[in-house]
PDB file of N, CA and C in Angstrom:
ATOM      1  N   UNK A   1      17.989   1.774 -11.413  1.00  0.00           N
ATOM      2  CA  UNK A   1      16.612   2.206 -11.219  1.00  0.00           C
ATOM      3  C   UNK A   1      16.259   3.235 -12.286  1.00  0.00           C
ATOM      4  N   UNK A   2      15.049   3.140 -12.799  1.00  0.00           N
ATOM      5  CA  UNK A   2      14.615   4.076 -13.827  1.00  0.00           C
ATOM      6  C   UNK A   2      14.385   5.460 -13.247  1.00  0.00           C
ATOM      7  N   UNK A   3      14.659   6.451 -14.051  1.00  0.00           N
ATOM      8  CA  UNK A   3      14.430   7.828 -13.613  1.00  0.00           C
ATOM      9  C   UNK A   3      12.944   8.084 -13.374  1.00  0.00           C
ATOM     10  N   UNK A   4      12.083   7.540 -14.221  1.00  0.00           N
ATOM     11  CA  UNK A   4      10.643   7.760 -14.077  1.00  0.00           C
ATOM     12  C   UNK A   4      10.137   7.216 -12.743  1.00  0.00           C
ATOM     13  N   UNK A   5      10.771   6.190 -12.239  1.00  0.00           N
ATOM     14  CA  UNK A   5      10.322   5.597 -10.987  1.00  0.00           C
ATOM     15  C   UNK A   5      10.573   6.530  -9.806  1.00  0.00           C
ATOM     16  N   UNK A   6      11.619   7.379  -9.889  1.00  0.00           N
ATOM     17  CA  UNK A   6      11.862   8.257  -8.743  1.00  0.00           C
ATOM     18  C   UNK A   6      11.190   9.617  -8.851  1.00  0.00           C
ATOM     19  N   UNK A   7      10.647   9.945  -9.979  1.00  0.00           N
ATOM     20  CA  UNK A   7      10.072  11.278 -10.155  1.00  0.00           C
ATOM     21  C   UNK A   7       8.914  11.553  -9.208  1.00  0.00           C
ATOM     22  N   UNK A   8       8.233  10.521  -8.776  1.00  0.00           N
ATOM     23  CA  UNK A   8       7.119  10.735  -7.853  1.00  0.00           C
ATOM     24  C   UNK A   8       7.597  10.933  -6.424  1.00  0.00           C
ATOM     25  N   UNK A   9       8.888  10.691  -6.166  1.00  0.00           N
ATOM     26  CA  UNK A   9       9.438  10.896  -4.841  1.00  0.00           C
ATOM     27  C   UNK A   9       9.263   9.721  -3.900  1.00  0.00           C
ATOM     28  N   UNK A  10       8.618   8.666  -4.344  1.00  0.00           N
ATOM     29  CA  UNK A  10       8.436   7.488  -3.498  1.00  0.00           C
ATOM     30  C   UNK A  10       9.635   6.564  -3.611  1.00  0.00           C
ATOM     31  N   UNK A  11       9.958   5.907  -2.519  1.00  0.00           N
ATOM     32  CA  UNK A  11      11.013   4.918  -2.523  1.00  0.00           C
ATOM     33  C   UNK A  11      10.498   3.591  -3.057  1.00  0.00           C
ATOM     34  N   UNK A  12      11.405   2.667  -3.280  1.00  0.00           N
ATOM     35  CA  UNK A  12      11.035   1.357  -3.814  1.00  0.00           C
ATOM     36  C   UNK A  12      10.059   0.634  -2.881  1.00  0.00           C
ATOM     37  N   UNK A  13      10.293   0.720  -1.585  1.00  0.00           N
ATOM     38  CA  UNK A  13       9.399   0.034  -0.641  1.00  0.00           C
ATOM     39  C   UNK A  13       7.978   0.587  -0.729  1.00  0.00           C
ATOM     40  N   UNK A  14       7.841   1.904  -0.814  1.00  0.00           N
ATOM     41  CA  UNK A  14       6.514   2.507  -0.911  1.00  0.00           C
ATOM     42  C   UNK A  14       5.808   2.080  -2.191  1.00  0.00           C
ATOM     43  N   UNK A  15       6.541   2.069  -3.306  1.00  0.00           N
ATOM     44  CA  UNK A  15       5.947   1.626  -4.575  1.00  0.00           C
ATOM     45  C   UNK A  15       5.563   0.152  -4.505  1.00  0.00           C
ATOM     46  N   UNK A  16       6.388  -0.662  -3.843  1.00  0.00           N
ATOM     47  CA  UNK A  16       6.081  -2.090  -3.699  1.00  0.00           C
ATOM     48  C   UNK A  16       4.828  -2.313  -2.850  1.00  0.00           C
ATOM     49  N   UNK A  17       4.658  -1.513  -1.808  1.00  0.00           N
ATOM     50  CA  UNK A  17       3.460  -1.630  -0.967  1.00  0.00           C
ATOM     51  C   UNK A  17       2.213  -1.306  -1.784  1.00  0.00           C
ATOM     52  N   UNK A  18       2.262  -0.235  -2.552  1.00  0.00           N
ATOM     53  CA  UNK A  18       1.103   0.122  -3.375  1.00  0.00           C
ATOM     54  C   UNK A  18       0.839  -0.941  -4.440  1.00  0.00           C
ATOM     55  N   UNK A  19       1.886  -1.498  -5.007  1.00  0.00           N
ATOM     56  CA  UNK A  19       1.720  -2.555  -6.013  1.00  0.00           C
ATOM     57  C   UNK A  19       1.062  -3.786  -5.400  1.00  0.00           C
ATOM     58  N   UNK A  20       1.458  -4.132  -4.195  1.00  0.00           N
ATOM     59  CA  UNK A  20       0.866  -5.288  -3.530  1.00  0.00           C
ATOM     60  C   UNK A  20      -0.621  -5.033  -3.264  1.00  0.00           C
ATOM     61  N   UNK A  21      -0.965  -3.810  -2.908  1.00  0.00           N
ATOM     62  CA  UNK A  21      -2.362  -3.476  -2.640  1.00  0.00           C
ATOM     63  C   UNK A  21      -3.227  -3.516  -3.901  1.00  0.00           C
ATOM     64  N   UNK A  22      -2.635  -3.363  -5.058  1.00  0.00           N
ATOM     65  CA  UNK A  22      -3.399  -3.425  -6.307  1.00  0.00           C
ATOM     66  C   UNK A  22      -3.787  -4.856  -6.667  1.00  0.00           C
ATOM     67  N   UNK A  23      -3.081  -5.827  -6.117  1.00  0.00           N
ATOM     68  CA  UNK A  23      -3.313  -7.231  -6.453  1.00  0.00           C
ATOM     69  C   UNK A  23      -4.505  -7.803  -5.697  1.00  0.00           C
ATOM     70  N   UNK A  24      -5.077  -8.834  -6.276  1.00  0.00           N
ATOM     71  CA  UNK A  24      -6.133  -9.576  -5.600  1.00  0.00           C
ATOM     72  C   UNK A  24      -5.521 -10.825  -4.985  1.00  0.00           C
ATOM     73  N   UNK A  25      -6.034 -11.242  -3.866  1.00  0.00           N
ATOM     74  CA  UNK A  25      -5.497 -12.420  -3.192  1.00  0.00           C
ATOM     75  C   UNK A  25      -6.610 -13.426  -2.978  1.00  0.00           C
ATOM     76  N   UNK A  26      -6.284 -14.683  -3.240  1.00  0.00           N
ATOM     77  CA  UNK A  26      -7.281 -15.736  -3.046  1.00  0.00           C
ATOM     78  C   UNK A  26      -6.958 -16.510  -1.783  1.00  0.00           C
ATOM     79  N   UNK A  27      -7.954 -16.688  -1.000  1.00  0.00           N
ATOM     80  CA  UNK A  27      -7.785 -17.511   0.188  1.00  0.00           C
ATOM     81  C   UNK A  27      -7.237 -16.751   1.383  1.00  0.00           C
ATOM     82  N   UNK A  28      -7.567 -17.256   2.561  1.00  0.00           N
ATOM     83  CA  UNK A  28      -7.090 -16.613   3.787  1.00  0.00           C
ATOM     84  C   UNK A  28      -5.584 -16.776   3.955  1.00  0.00           C
ATOM     85  N   UNK A  29      -4.953 -15.711   4.366  1.00  0.00           N
ATOM     86  CA  UNK A  29      -3.521 -15.761   4.633  1.00  0.00           C
ATOM     87  C   UNK A  29      -2.635 -15.501   3.430  1.00  0.00           C
ATOM     88  N   UNK A  30      -3.200 -15.445   2.236  1.00  0.00           N
ATOM     89  CA  UNK A  30      -2.380 -15.257   1.032  1.00  0.00           C
ATOM     90  C   UNK A  30      -1.703 -13.880   1.034  1.00  0.00           C
ATOM     91  N   UNK A  31      -2.442 -12.856   1.430  1.00  0.00           N
ATOM     92  CA  UNK A  31      -1.874 -11.508   1.440  1.00  0.00           C
ATOM     93  C   UNK A  31      -0.776 -11.402   2.496  1.00  0.00           C
ATOM     94  N   UNK A  32      -1.039 -11.934   3.697  1.00  0.00           N
ATOM     95  CA  UNK A  32      -0.038 -11.875   4.763  1.00  0.00           C
ATOM     96  C   UNK A  32       1.226 -12.628   4.364  1.00  0.00           C
ATOM     97  N   UNK A  33       1.060 -13.752   3.677  1.00  0.00           N
ATOM     98  CA  UNK A  33       2.212 -14.521   3.201  1.00  0.00           C
ATOM     99  C   UNK A  33       3.016 -13.704   2.185  1.00  0.00           C
ATOM    100  N   UNK A  34       2.317 -13.024   1.274  1.00  0.00           N
ATOM    101  CA  UNK A  34       2.989 -12.185   0.277  1.00  0.00           C
ATOM    102  C   UNK A  34       3.728 -11.026   0.955  1.00  0.00           C
ATOM    103  N   UNK A  35       3.126 -10.459   1.979  1.00  0.00           N
ATOM    104  CA  UNK A  35       3.771  -9.353   2.710  1.00  0.00           C
ATOM    105  C   UNK A  35       5.098  -9.831   3.299  1.00  0.00           C
ATOM    106  N   UNK A  36       5.064 -10.986   3.942  1.00  0.00           N
ATOM    107  CA  UNK A  36       6.282 -11.523   4.563  1.00  0.00           C
ATOM    108  C   UNK A  36       7.328 -11.930   3.530  1.00  0.00           C
ATOM    109  N   UNK A  37       6.900 -12.643   2.497  1.00  0.00           N
ATOM    110  CA  UNK A  37       7.849 -13.202   1.531  1.00  0.00           C
ATOM    111  C   UNK A  37       8.384 -12.163   0.556  1.00  0.00           C
ATOM    112  N   UNK A  38       7.525 -11.295   0.060  1.00  0.00           N
ATOM    113  CA  UNK A  38       7.942 -10.356  -0.980  1.00  0.00           C
ATOM    114  C   UNK A  38       8.532  -9.068  -0.420  1.00  0.00           C
ATOM    115  N   UNK A  39       8.002  -8.611   0.700  1.00  0.00           N
ATOM    116  CA  UNK A  39       8.452  -7.329   1.250  1.00  0.00           C
ATOM    117  C   UNK A  39       9.315  -7.484   2.492  1.00  0.00           C
ATOM    118  N   UNK A  40       9.378  -8.696   3.023  1.00  0.00           N
ATOM    119  CA  UNK A  40      10.158  -8.975   4.231  1.00  0.00           C
ATOM    120  C   UNK A  40       9.728  -8.069   5.383  1.00  0.00           C
ATOM    121  N   UNK A  41       8.412  -7.943   5.539  1.00  0.00           N
ATOM    122  CA  UNK A  41       7.831  -7.137   6.607  1.00  0.00           C
ATOM    123  C   UNK A  41       6.829  -7.985   7.381  1.00  0.00           C
ATOM    124  N   UNK A  42       6.645  -7.646   8.648  1.00  0.00           N
ATOM    125  CA  UNK A  42       5.548  -8.265   9.383  1.00  0.00           C
ATOM    126  C   UNK A  42       4.262  -7.582   8.900  1.00  0.00           C
ATOM    127  N   UNK A  43       3.139  -8.286   8.949  1.00  0.00           N
ATOM    128  CA  UNK A  43       1.886  -7.638   8.545  1.00  0.00           C
ATOM    129  C   UNK A  43       1.578  -6.372   9.349  1.00  0.00           C
ATOM    130  N   UNK A  44       1.894  -6.368  10.639  1.00  0.00           N
ATOM    131  CA  UNK A  44       1.629  -5.177  11.456  1.00  0.00           C
ATOM    132  C   UNK A  44       2.417  -3.977  10.919  1.00  0.00           C
ATOM    133  N   UNK A  45       3.694  -4.175  10.648  1.00  0.00           N
ATOM    134  CA  UNK A  45       4.530  -3.083  10.126  1.00  0.00           C
ATOM    135  C   UNK A  45       4.057  -2.646   8.740  1.00  0.00           C
ATOM    136  N   UNK A  46       3.676  -3.619   7.937  1.00  0.00           N
ATOM    137  CA  UNK A  46       3.161  -3.328   6.594  1.00  0.00           C
ATOM    138  C   UNK A  46       1.960  -2.382   6.676  1.00  0.00           C
ATOM    139  N   UNK A  47       1.007  -2.720   7.542  1.00  0.00           N
ATOM    140  CA  UNK A  47      -0.197  -1.894   7.643  1.00  0.00           C
ATOM    141  C   UNK A  47       0.103  -0.523   8.245  1.00  0.00           C
ATOM    142  N   UNK A  48       1.107  -0.429   9.104  1.00  0.00           N
ATOM    143  CA  UNK A  48       1.529   0.883   9.612  1.00  0.00           C
ATOM    144  C   UNK A  48       2.068   1.735   8.469  1.00  0.00           C
ATOM    145  N   UNK A  49       2.919   1.141   7.647  1.00  0.00           N
ATOM    146  CA  UNK A  49       3.489   1.873   6.513  1.00  0.00           C
ATOM    147  C   UNK A  49       2.417   2.233   5.490  1.00  0.00           C
ATOM    148  N   UNK A  50       1.508   1.295   5.234  1.00  0.00           N
ATOM    149  CA  UNK A  50       0.430   1.550   4.284  1.00  0.00           C
ATOM    150  C   UNK A  50      -0.444   2.699   4.767  1.00  0.00           C
ATOM    151  N   UNK A  51      -0.806   2.703   6.034  1.00  0.00           N
ATOM    152  CA  UNK A  51      -1.647   3.765   6.565  1.00  0.00           C
ATOM    153  C   UNK A  51      -0.974   5.127   6.419  1.00  0.00           C
ATOM    154  N   UNK A  52       0.321   5.189   6.664  1.00  0.00           N
ATOM    155  CA  UNK A  52       1.048   6.449   6.486  1.00  0.00           C
ATOM    156  C   UNK A  52       1.065   6.854   5.011  1.00  0.00           C
ATOM    157  N   UNK A  53       1.196   5.879   4.129  1.00  0.00           N
ATOM    158  CA  UNK A  53       1.207   6.171   2.689  1.00  0.00           C
ATOM    159  C   UNK A  53      -0.114   6.780   2.228  1.00  0.00           C
ATOM    160  N   UNK A  54      -1.206   6.349   2.819  1.00  0.00           N
ATOM    161  CA  UNK A  54      -2.511   6.858   2.399  1.00  0.00           C
ATOM    162  C   UNK A  54      -2.656   8.352   2.654  1.00  0.00           C
ATOM    163  N   UNK A  55      -1.848   8.886   3.556  1.00  0.00           N
ATOM    164  CA  UNK A  55      -1.882  10.324   3.849  1.00  0.00           C
ATOM    165  C   UNK A  55      -0.785  11.093   3.117  1.00  0.00           C
ATOM    166  N   UNK A  56      -0.055  10.413   2.253  1.00  0.00           N
ATOM    167  CA  UNK A  56       1.084  11.004   1.559  1.00  0.00           C
ATOM    168  C   UNK A  56       0.664  11.433   0.142  1.00  0.00           C
ATOM    169  N   UNK A  57       0.821  12.708  -0.152  1.00  0.00           N
ATOM    170  CA  UNK A  57       0.437  13.232  -1.469  1.00  0.00           C
ATOM    171  C   UNK A  57       1.230  12.575  -2.596  1.00  0.00           C
ATOM    172  N   UNK A  58       2.468  12.153  -2.312  1.00  0.00           N
ATOM    173  CA  UNK A  58       3.268  11.484  -3.344  1.00  0.00           C
ATOM    174  C   UNK A  58       2.646  10.152  -3.741  1.00  0.00           C
ATOM    175  N   UNK A  59       2.105   9.431  -2.763  1.00  0.00           N
ATOM    176  CA  UNK A  59       1.443   8.159  -3.044  1.00  0.00           C
ATOM    177  C   UNK A  59       0.184   8.393  -3.874  1.00  0.00           C
ATOM    178  N   UNK A  60      -0.561   9.433  -3.536  1.00  0.00           N
ATOM    179  CA  UNK A  60      -1.761   9.764  -4.296  1.00  0.00           C
ATOM    180  C   UNK A  60      -1.415  10.093  -5.741  1.00  0.00           C
ATOM    181  N   UNK A  61      -0.344  10.831  -5.949  1.00  0.00           N
ATOM    182  CA  UNK A  61       0.077  11.169  -7.301  1.00  0.00           C
ATOM    183  C   UNK A  61       0.544   9.927  -8.066  1.00  0.00           C
ATOM    184  N   UNK A  62       1.185   9.006  -7.372  1.00  0.00           N
ATOM    185  CA  UNK A  62       1.721   7.795  -8.003  1.00  0.00           C
ATOM    186  C   UNK A  62       0.612   6.825  -8.404  1.00  0.00           C
ATOM    187  N   UNK A  63      -0.372   6.628  -7.532  1.00  0.00           N
ATOM    188  CA  UNK A  63      -1.419   5.634  -7.777  1.00  0.00           C
ATOM    189  C   UNK A  63      -2.749   6.114  -7.187  1.00  0.00           C
ATOM    190  N   UNK A  64      -3.378   7.089  -7.844  1.00  0.00           N
ATOM    191  CA  UNK A  64      -4.590   7.683  -7.273  1.00  0.00           C
ATOM    192  C   UNK A  64      -5.747   6.697  -7.096  1.00  0.00           C
ATOM    193  N   UNK A  65      -5.898   5.744  -7.995  1.00  0.00           N
ATOM    194  CA  UNK A  65      -7.015   4.805  -7.896  1.00  0.00           C
ATOM    195  C   UNK A  65      -6.886   3.958  -6.632  1.00  0.00           C
ATOM    196  N   UNK A  66      -5.715   3.383  -6.425  1.00  0.00           N
ATOM    197  CA  UNK A  66      -5.499   2.528  -5.257  1.00  0.00           C
ATOM    198  C   UNK A  66      -5.580   3.325  -3.967  1.00  0.00           C
ATOM    199  N   UNK A  67      -4.931   4.468  -3.919  1.00  0.00           N
ATOM    200  CA  UNK A  67      -4.914   5.278  -2.698  1.00  0.00           C
ATOM    201  C   UNK A  67      -6.325   5.755  -2.351  1.00  0.00           C
ATOM    202  N   UNK A  68      -7.071   6.222  -3.331  1.00  0.00           N
ATOM    203  CA  UNK A  68      -8.436   6.683  -3.043  1.00  0.00           C
ATOM    204  C   UNK A  68      -9.340   5.534  -2.600  1.00  0.00           C
ATOM    205  N   UNK A  69      -9.189   4.351  -3.204  1.00  0.00           N
ATOM    206  CA  UNK A  69      -9.971   3.188  -2.791  1.00  0.00           C
ATOM    207  C   UNK A  69      -9.668   2.833  -1.335  1.00  0.00           C
ATOM    208  N   UNK A  70      -8.381   2.805  -1.001  1.00  0.00           N
ATOM    209  CA  UNK A  70      -7.990   2.452   0.367  1.00  0.00           C
ATOM    210  C   UNK A  70      -8.403   3.527   1.371  1.00  0.00           C
ATOM    211  N   UNK A  71      -8.393   4.776   0.961  1.00  0.00           N
ATOM    212  CA  UNK A  71      -8.867   5.845   1.846  1.00  0.00           C
ATOM    213  C   UNK A  71     -10.353   5.665   2.145  1.00  0.00           C
ATOM    214  N   UNK A  72     -11.143   5.299   1.123  1.00  0.00           N
ATOM    215  CA  UNK A  72     -12.576   5.072   1.340  1.00  0.00           C
ATOM    216  C   UNK A  72     -12.802   3.908   2.303  1.00  0.00           C
ATOM    217  N   UNK A  73     -12.044   2.836   2.132  1.00  0.00           N
ATOM    218  CA  UNK A  73     -12.165   1.682   3.031  1.00  0.00           C
ATOM    219  C   UNK A  73     -11.820   2.091   4.457  1.00  0.00           C
ATOM    220  N   UNK A  74     -10.728   2.838   4.606  1.00  0.00           N
ATOM    221  CA  UNK A  74     -10.302   3.277   5.930  1.00  0.00           C
ATOM    222  C   UNK A  74     -11.366   4.142   6.591  1.00  0.00           C
ATOM    223  N   UNK A  75     -11.940   5.073   5.839  1.00  0.00           N
ATOM    224  CA  UNK A  75     -12.962   5.949   6.396  1.00  0.00           C
ATOM    225  C   UNK A  75     -14.222   5.164   6.771  1.00  0.00           C
ATOM    226  N   UNK A  76     -14.595   4.184   5.977  1.00  0.00           N
ATOM    227  CA  UNK A  76     -15.767   3.361   6.292  1.00  0.00           C
ATOM    228  C   UNK A  76     -15.534   2.588   7.590  1.00  0.00           C
ATOM    229  N   UNK A  77     -14.338   2.080   7.780  1.00  0.00           N
ATOM    230  CA  UNK A  77     -14.035   1.352   9.010  1.00  0.00           C
ATOM    231  C   UNK A  77     -14.042   2.281  10.220  1.00  0.00           C
ATOM    232  N   UNK A  78     -13.545   3.481  10.030  1.00  0.00           N
ATOM    233  CA  UNK A  78     -13.568   4.450  11.135  1.00  0.00           C
ATOM    234  C   UNK A  78     -15.003   4.818  11.491  1.00  0.00           C
ATOM    235  N   UNK A  79     -15.849   4.940  10.497  1.00  0.00           N
ATOM    236  CA  UNK A  79     -17.253   5.309  10.737  1.00  0.00           C
ATOM    237  C   UNK A  79     -18.000   4.208  11.476  1.00  0.00           C
ATOM    238  N   UNK A  80     -17.583   2.959  11.292  1.00  0.00           N
ATOM    239  CA  UNK A  80     -18.224   1.834  11.977  1.00  0.00           C
ATOM    240  C   UNK A  80     -17.931   1.821  13.469  1.00  0.00           C
ATOM    241  N   UNK A  81     -16.826   2.412  13.863  1.00  0.00           N
ATOM    242  CA  UNK A  81     -16.438   2.373  15.295  1.00  0.00           C
ATOM    243  C   UNK A  81     -17.249   3.309  16.135  1.00  0.00           C
TER     244      UNK A  81
END
């Protein structure tokens, strides 16, 4: 593992989750399939981990664009309720 990859303090799984969120998915079910096949996680567990990552300063430092975008989406959904 590269030294630069650990400097942000995130583990490989956390970096992989953020990387998956940066991608675009075509068609229904494509993202859920990628979650299962690439990360070996259930979608429910994936979203639990992702939600925790959005509150983690290390994730923000690692990928501020993705984390801030997802935080805005999360807040918009909360406001709708």
